[in-house]
Amino acid sequence: MKAFLKKNILTIIGVPLGALAGFLYWKFVGCNSGSCAITSNPVNSTIYGSIMGGLLFSIFQNNKNKTV
């Protein structure tokens, strides 16, 4: 379990940060008309933000294979 957490720490950090960013985007920018698929609902915006945050932070992981 520790190896999994150590290997994926950036993705694990990125998911809640992205969720917070998605929620704050809905709160302060949002969609006035309600026709926007992502930003019209706080749940959709938070889930989308968490996925994007996880993907963004996973880019910076070092995935070197240590094979002999």
PDB file of N, CA and C in Angstrom:
ATOM      1  N   MET A   1       0.825  -1.197   0.000  1.00  0.00           N
ATOM      2  CA  MET A   1       0.000   0.000   0.000  1.00  0.00           C
ATOM      3  C   MET A   1       0.866   1.257   0.000  1.00  0.00           C
ATOM      4  N   LYS A   2       1.970   1.212   0.780  1.00  0.00           N
ATOM      5  CA  LYS A   2       2.852   2.377   0.825  1.00  0.00           C
ATOM      6  C   LYS A   2       3.510   2.625  -0.523  1.00  0.00           C
ATOM      7  N   ALA A   3       3.836   1.558  -1.217  1.00  0.00           N
ATOM      8  CA  ALA A   3       4.453   1.716  -2.535  1.00  0.00           C
ATOM      9  C   ALA A   3       3.479   2.364  -3.517  1.00  0.00           C
ATOM     10  N   PHE A   4       2.214   1.969  -3.454  1.00  0.00           N
ATOM     11  CA  PHE A   4       1.205   2.571  -4.325  1.00  0.00           C
ATOM     12  C   PHE A   4       1.047   4.058  -4.037  1.00  0.00           C
ATOM     13  N   LEU A   5       0.976   4.413  -2.745  1.00  0.00           N
ATOM     14  CA  LEU A   5       0.828   5.819  -2.380  1.00  0.00           C
ATOM     15  C   LEU A   5       2.047   6.633  -2.792  1.00  0.00           C
ATOM     16  N   LYS A   6       3.212   6.069  -2.604  1.00  0.00           N
ATOM     17  CA  LYS A   6       4.437   6.774  -2.957  1.00  0.00           C
ATOM     18  C   LYS A   6       4.553   6.963  -4.469  1.00  0.00           C
ATOM     19  N   LYS A   7       4.124   5.961  -5.220  1.00  0.00           N
ATOM     20  CA  LYS A   7       4.212   6.038  -6.675  1.00  0.00           C
ATOM     21  C   LYS A   7       3.207   7.037  -7.259  1.00  0.00           C
ATOM     22  N   ASN A   8       2.032   7.144  -6.658  1.00  0.00           N
ATOM     23  CA  ASN A   8       0.953   7.969  -7.211  1.00  0.00           C
ATOM     24  C   ASN A   8       0.636   9.197  -6.365  1.00  0.00           C
ATOM     25  N   ILE A   9       1.590   9.705  -5.619  1.00  0.00           N
ATOM     26  CA  ILE A   9       1.319  10.809  -4.706  1.00  0.00           C
ATOM     27  C   ILE A   9       0.874  12.078  -5.435  1.00  0.00           C
ATOM     28  N   LEU A  10       1.453  12.363  -6.575  1.00  0.00           N
ATOM     29  CA  LEU A  10       1.061  13.578  -7.290  1.00  0.00           C
ATOM     30  C   LEU A  10      -0.368  13.489  -7.815  1.00  0.00           C
ATOM     31  N   THR A  11      -0.775  12.333  -8.295  1.00  0.00           N
ATOM     32  CA  THR A  11      -2.152  12.165  -8.754  1.00  0.00           C
ATOM     33  C   THR A  11      -3.118  12.279  -7.584  1.00  0.00           C
ATOM     34  N   ILE A  12      -2.745  11.705  -6.455  1.00  0.00           N
ATOM     35  CA  ILE A  12      -3.597  11.753  -5.263  1.00  0.00           C
ATOM     36  C   ILE A  12      -3.738  13.186  -4.759  1.00  0.00           C
ATOM     37  N   ILE A  13      -2.699  13.975  -4.875  1.00  0.00           N
ATOM     38  CA  ILE A  13      -2.780  15.387  -4.486  1.00  0.00           C
ATOM     39  C   ILE A  13      -3.589  16.180  -5.516  1.00  0.00           C
ATOM     40  N   GLY A  14      -3.450  15.842  -6.791  1.00  0.00           N
ATOM     41  CA  GLY A  14      -4.119  16.581  -7.856  1.00  0.00           C
ATOM     42  C   GLY A  14      -5.626  16.433  -7.876  1.00  0.00           C
ATOM     43  N   VAL A  15      -6.129  15.284  -7.451  1.00  0.00           N
ATOM     44  CA  VAL A  15      -7.581  15.051  -7.492  1.00  0.00           C
ATOM     45  C   VAL A  15      -8.342  16.014  -6.566  1.00  0.00           C
ATOM     46  N   PRO A  16      -8.000  16.131  -5.272  1.00  0.00           N
ATOM     47  CA  PRO A  16      -8.759  17.080  -4.450  1.00  0.00           C
ATOM     48  C   PRO A  16      -8.515  18.541  -4.821  1.00  0.00           C
ATOM     49  N   LEU A  17      -7.296  18.859  -5.284  1.00  0.00           N
ATOM     50  CA  LEU A  17      -7.052  20.234  -5.724  1.00  0.00           C
ATOM     51  C   LEU A  17      -7.882  20.571  -6.959  1.00  0.00           C
ATOM     52  N   GLY A  18      -7.987  19.626  -7.873  1.00  0.00           N
ATOM     53  CA  GLY A  18      -8.816  19.831  -9.056  1.00  0.00           C
ATOM     54  C   GLY A  18     -10.292  19.922  -8.708  1.00  0.00           C
ATOM     55  N   ALA A  19     -10.722  19.116  -7.739  1.00  0.00           N
ATOM     56  CA  ALA A  19     -12.121  19.182  -7.304  1.00  0.00           C
ATOM     57  C   ALA A  19     -12.426  20.541  -6.682  1.00  0.00           C
ATOM     58  N   LEU A  20     -11.505  21.037  -5.876  1.00  0.00           N
ATOM     59  CA  LEU A  20     -11.685  22.361  -5.284  1.00  0.00           C
ATOM     60  C   LEU A  20     -11.717  23.437  -6.365  1.00  0.00           C
ATOM     61  N   ALA A  21     -10.823  23.329  -7.333  1.00  0.00           N
ATOM     62  CA  ALA A  21     -10.802  24.300  -8.428  1.00  0.00           C
ATOM     63  C   ALA A  21     -12.091  24.240  -9.250  1.00  0.00           C
ATOM     64  N   GLY A  22     -12.590  23.037  -9.503  1.00  0.00           N
ATOM     65  CA  GLY A  22     -13.844  22.900 -10.246  1.00  0.00           C
ATOM     66  C   GLY A  22     -15.023  23.484  -9.500  1.00  0.00           C
ATOM     67  N   PHE A  23     -15.062  23.258  -8.191  1.00  0.00           N
ATOM     68  CA  PHE A  23     -16.155  23.825  -7.404  1.00  0.00           C
ATOM     69  C   PHE A  23     -16.072  25.354  -7.360  1.00  0.00           C
ATOM     70  N   LEU A  24     -14.869  25.867  -7.174  1.00  0.00           N
ATOM     71  CA  LEU A  24     -14.706  27.323  -7.136  1.00  0.00           C
ATOM     72  C   LEU A  24     -15.020  27.956  -8.488  1.00  0.00           C
ATOM     73  N   TYR A  25     -14.714  27.259  -9.556  1.00  0.00           N
ATOM     74  CA  TYR A  25     -15.079  27.754 -10.880  1.00  0.00           C
ATOM     75  C   TYR A  25     -16.595  27.836 -11.020  1.00  0.00           C
ATOM     76  N   TRP A  26     -17.291  26.810 -10.551  1.00  0.00           N
ATOM     77  CA  TRP A  26     -18.760  26.846 -10.597  1.00  0.00           C
ATOM     78  C   TRP A  26     -19.289  27.984  -9.735  1.00  0.00           C
ATOM     79  N   LYS A  27     -18.705  28.164  -8.558  1.00  0.00           N
ATOM     80  CA  LYS A  27     -19.191  29.158  -7.606  1.00  0.00           C
ATOM     81  C   LYS A  27     -19.016  30.581  -8.126  1.00  0.00           C
ATOM     82  N   PHE A  28     -17.848  30.878  -8.692  1.00  0.00           N
ATOM     83  CA  PHE A  28     -17.551  32.261  -9.048  1.00  0.00           C
ATOM     84  C   PHE A  28     -17.723  32.581 -10.522  1.00  0.00           C
ATOM     85  N   VAL A  29     -17.616  31.618 -11.412  1.00  0.00           N
ATOM     86  CA  VAL A  29     -17.781  31.868 -12.844  1.00  0.00           C
ATOM     87  C   VAL A  29     -19.089  31.251 -13.315  1.00  0.00           C
ATOM     88  N   GLY A  30     -19.173  29.930 -13.236  1.00  0.00           N
ATOM     89  CA  GLY A  30     -20.415  29.213 -13.520  1.00  0.00           C
ATOM     90  C   GLY A  30     -21.012  29.472 -14.880  1.00  0.00           C
ATOM     91  N   CYS A  31     -22.306  29.218 -14.951  1.00  0.00           N
ATOM     92  CA  CYS A  31     -23.060  29.387 -16.187  1.00  0.00           C
ATOM     93  C   CYS A  31     -24.408  29.999 -15.815  1.00  0.00           C
ATOM     94  N   ASN A  32     -24.666  31.176 -16.288  1.00  0.00           N
ATOM     95  CA  ASN A  32     -25.893  31.883 -15.921  1.00  0.00           C
ATOM     96  C   ASN A  32     -27.141  31.279 -16.551  1.00  0.00           C
ATOM     97  N   SER A  33     -27.030  30.795 -17.768  1.00  0.00           N
ATOM     98  CA  SER A  33     -28.215  30.318 -18.471  1.00  0.00           C
ATOM     99  C   SER A  33     -28.623  28.900 -18.067  1.00  0.00           C
ATOM    100  N   GLY A  34     -27.701  28.127 -17.524  1.00  0.00           N
ATOM    101  CA  GLY A  34     -28.011  26.753 -17.147  1.00  0.00           C
ATOM    102  C   GLY A  34     -27.888  25.767 -18.281  1.00  0.00           C
ATOM    103  N   SER A  35     -27.442  26.227 -19.440  1.00  0.00           N
ATOM    104  CA  SER A  35     -27.338  25.332 -20.588  1.00  0.00           C
ATOM    105  C   SER A  35     -25.936  24.738 -20.746  1.00  0.00           C
ATOM    106  N   CYS A  36     -25.008  25.147 -19.918  1.00  0.00           N
ATOM    107  CA  CYS A  36     -23.641  24.609 -19.992  1.00  0.00           C
ATOM    108  C   CYS A  36     -23.616  23.229 -19.342  1.00  0.00           C
ATOM    109  N   ALA A  37     -23.049  22.262 -20.026  1.00  0.00           N
ATOM    110  CA  ALA A  37     -23.087  20.879 -19.544  1.00  0.00           C
ATOM    111  C   ALA A  37     -22.251  20.679 -18.287  1.00  0.00           C
ATOM    112  N   ILE A  38     -21.113  21.338 -18.195  1.00  0.00           N
ATOM    113  CA  ILE A  38     -20.219  21.097 -17.063  1.00  0.00           C
ATOM    114  C   ILE A  38     -20.444  22.112 -15.952  1.00  0.00           C
ATOM    115  N   THR A  39     -20.502  23.365 -16.273  1.00  0.00           N
ATOM    116  CA  THR A  39     -20.503  24.399 -15.233  1.00  0.00           C
ATOM    117  C   THR A  39     -21.883  24.787 -14.724  1.00  0.00           C
ATOM    118  N   SER A  40     -22.939  24.181 -15.215  1.00  0.00           N
ATOM    119  CA  SER A  40     -24.273  24.548 -14.722  1.00  0.00           C
ATOM    120  C   SER A  40     -24.612  23.830 -13.420  1.00  0.00           C
ATOM    121  N   ASN A  41     -23.891  22.770 -13.085  1.00  0.00           N
ATOM    122  CA  ASN A  41     -24.170  21.965 -11.912  1.00  0.00           C
ATOM    123  C   ASN A  41     -22.881  21.836 -11.094  1.00  0.00           C
ATOM    124  N   PRO A  42     -22.922  22.072  -9.771  1.00  0.00           N
ATOM    125  CA  PRO A  42     -21.682  21.991  -8.986  1.00  0.00           C
ATOM    126  C   PRO A  42     -21.083  20.585  -8.934  1.00  0.00           C
ATOM    127  N   VAL A  43     -21.914  19.558  -8.998  1.00  0.00           N
ATOM    128  CA  VAL A  43     -21.394  18.184  -8.975  1.00  0.00           C
ATOM    129  C   VAL A  43     -20.612  17.900 -10.248  1.00  0.00           C
ATOM    130  N   ASN A  44     -21.169  18.256 -11.398  1.00  0.00           N
ATOM    131  CA  ASN A  44     -20.475  18.038 -12.668  1.00  0.00           C
ATOM    132  C   ASN A  44     -19.162  18.805 -12.716  1.00  0.00           C
ATOM    133  N   SER A  45     -19.179  20.028 -12.275  1.00  0.00           N
ATOM    134  CA  SER A  45     -17.988  20.862 -12.289  1.00  0.00           C
ATOM    135  C   SER A  45     -16.916  20.314 -11.352  1.00  0.00           C
ATOM    136  N   THR A  46     -17.312  19.820 -10.184  1.00  0.00           N
ATOM    137  CA  THR A  46     -16.360  19.267  -9.227  1.00  0.00           C
ATOM    138  C   THR A  46     -15.762  17.962  -9.739  1.00  0.00           C
ATOM    139  N   ILE A  47     -16.574  17.094 -10.317  1.00  0.00           N
ATOM    140  CA  ILE A  47     -16.058  15.831 -10.861  1.00  0.00           C
ATOM    141  C   ILE A  47     -15.120  16.096 -12.032  1.00  0.00           C
ATOM    142  N   TYR A  48     -15.494  16.989 -12.914  1.00  0.00           N
ATOM    143  CA  TYR A  48     -14.642  17.332 -14.050  1.00  0.00           C
ATOM    144  C   TYR A  48     -13.325  17.929 -13.567  1.00  0.00           C
ATOM    145  N   GLY A  49     -13.391  18.800 -12.569  1.00  0.00           N
ATOM    146  CA  GLY A  49     -12.172  19.392 -12.024  1.00  0.00           C
ATOM    147  C   GLY A  49     -11.265  18.360 -11.379  1.00  0.00           C
ATOM    148  N   SER A  50     -11.845  17.390 -10.674  1.00  0.00           N
ATOM    149  CA  SER A  50     -11.019  16.360 -10.039  1.00  0.00           C
ATOM    150  C   SER A  50     -10.338  15.476 -11.080  1.00  0.00           C
ATOM    151  N   ILE A  51     -11.033  15.148 -12.151  1.00  0.00           N
ATOM    152  CA  ILE A  51     -10.422  14.346 -13.217  1.00  0.00           C
ATOM    153  C   ILE A  51      -9.296  15.131 -13.888  1.00  0.00           C
ATOM    154  N   MET A  52      -9.536  16.392 -14.194  1.00  0.00           N
ATOM    155  CA  MET A  52      -8.514  17.205 -14.835  1.00  0.00           C
ATOM    156  C   MET A  52      -7.321  17.445 -13.907  1.00  0.00           C
ATOM    157  N   GLY A  53      -7.576  17.631 -12.630  1.00  0.00           N
ATOM    158  CA  GLY A  53      -6.486  17.809 -11.670  1.00  0.00           C
ATOM    159  C   GLY A  53      -5.628  16.568 -11.553  1.00  0.00           C
ATOM    160  N   GLY A  54      -6.261  15.406 -11.487  1.00  0.00           N
ATOM    161  CA  GLY A  54      -5.514  14.154 -11.433  1.00  0.00           C
ATOM    162  C   GLY A  54      -4.688  13.935 -12.682  1.00  0.00           C
ATOM    163  N   LEU A  55      -5.256  14.225 -13.841  1.00  0.00           N
ATOM    164  CA  LEU A  55      -4.510  14.066 -15.091  1.00  0.00           C
ATOM    165  C   LEU A  55      -3.364  15.061 -15.189  1.00  0.00           C
ATOM    166  N   LEU A  56      -3.611  16.291 -14.788  1.00  0.00           N
ATOM    167  CA  LEU A  56      -2.577  17.313 -14.866  1.00  0.00           C
ATOM    168  C   LEU A  56      -1.399  16.989 -13.958  1.00  0.00           C
ATOM    169  N   PHE A  57      -1.669  16.605 -12.730  1.00  0.00           N
ATOM    170  CA  PHE A  57      -0.593  16.303 -11.797  1.00  0.00           C
ATOM    171  C   PHE A  57       0.122  14.999 -12.153  1.00  0.00           C
ATOM    172  N   SER A  58      -0.568  14.068 -12.792  1.00  0.00           N
ATOM    173  CA  SER A  58       0.072  12.803 -13.153  1.00  0.00           C
ATOM    174  C   SER A  58       1.103  12.987 -14.264  1.00  0.00           C
ATOM    175  N   ILE A  59       1.040  14.092 -14.976  1.00  0.00           N
ATOM    176  CA  ILE A  59       2.031  14.366 -16.018  1.00  0.00           C
ATOM    177  C   ILE A  59       3.428  14.484 -15.416  1.00  0.00           C
ATOM    178  N   PHE A  60       3.520  14.995 -14.195  1.00  0.00           N
ATOM    179  CA  PHE A  60       4.808  15.292 -13.585  1.00  0.00           C
ATOM    180  C   PHE A  60       5.402  14.123 -12.812  1.00  0.00           C
ATOM    181  N   GLN A  61       4.781  12.958 -12.866  1.00  0.00           N
ATOM    182  CA  GLN A  61       5.322  11.793 -12.173  1.00  0.00           C
ATOM    183  C   GLN A  61       6.485  11.203 -12.948  1.00  0.00           C
ATOM    184  N   ASN A  62       7.442  10.696 -12.215  1.00  0.00           N
ATOM    185  CA  ASN A  62       8.602  10.057 -12.801  1.00  0.00           C
ATOM    186  C   ASN A  62       8.350   8.552 -12.843  1.00  0.00           C
ATOM    187  N   ASN A  63       8.118   8.012 -14.022  1.00  0.00           N
ATOM    188  CA  ASN A  63       7.770   6.591 -14.173  1.00  0.00           C
ATOM    189  C   ASN A  63       8.915   5.806 -14.798  1.00  0.00           C
ATOM    190  N   LYS A  64      10.059   5.832 -14.171  1.00  0.00           N
ATOM    191  CA  LYS A  64      11.187   5.065 -14.693  1.00  0.00           C
ATOM    192  C   LYS A  64      11.047   3.614 -14.281  1.00  0.00           C
ATOM    193  N   ASN A  65      11.202   2.724 -15.212  1.00  0.00           N
ATOM    194  CA  ASN A  65      11.181   1.293 -14.929  1.00  0.00           C
ATOM    195  C   ASN A  65      12.573   0.864 -14.506  1.00  0.00           C
ATOM    196  N   LYS A  66      12.659   0.216 -13.371  1.00  0.00           N
ATOM    197  CA  LYS A  66      13.943  -0.248 -12.874  1.00  0.00           C
ATOM    198  C   LYS A  66      14.065  -1.740 -13.155  1.00  0.00           C
ATOM    199  N   THR A  67      14.472  -2.058 -14.364  1.00  0.00           N
ATOM    200  CA  THR A  67      14.670  -3.459 -14.712  1.00  0.00           C
ATOM    201  C   THR A  67      16.156  -3.717 -14.860  1.00  0.00           C
ATOM    202  N   VAL A  68      16.550  -4.897 -14.494  1.00  0.00           N
ATOM    203  CA  VAL A  68      17.972  -5.248 -14.561  1.00  0.00           C
ATOM    204  C   VAL A  68      18.205  -6.197 -15.695  1.00  0.00           C
TER     205      VAL A  68
END
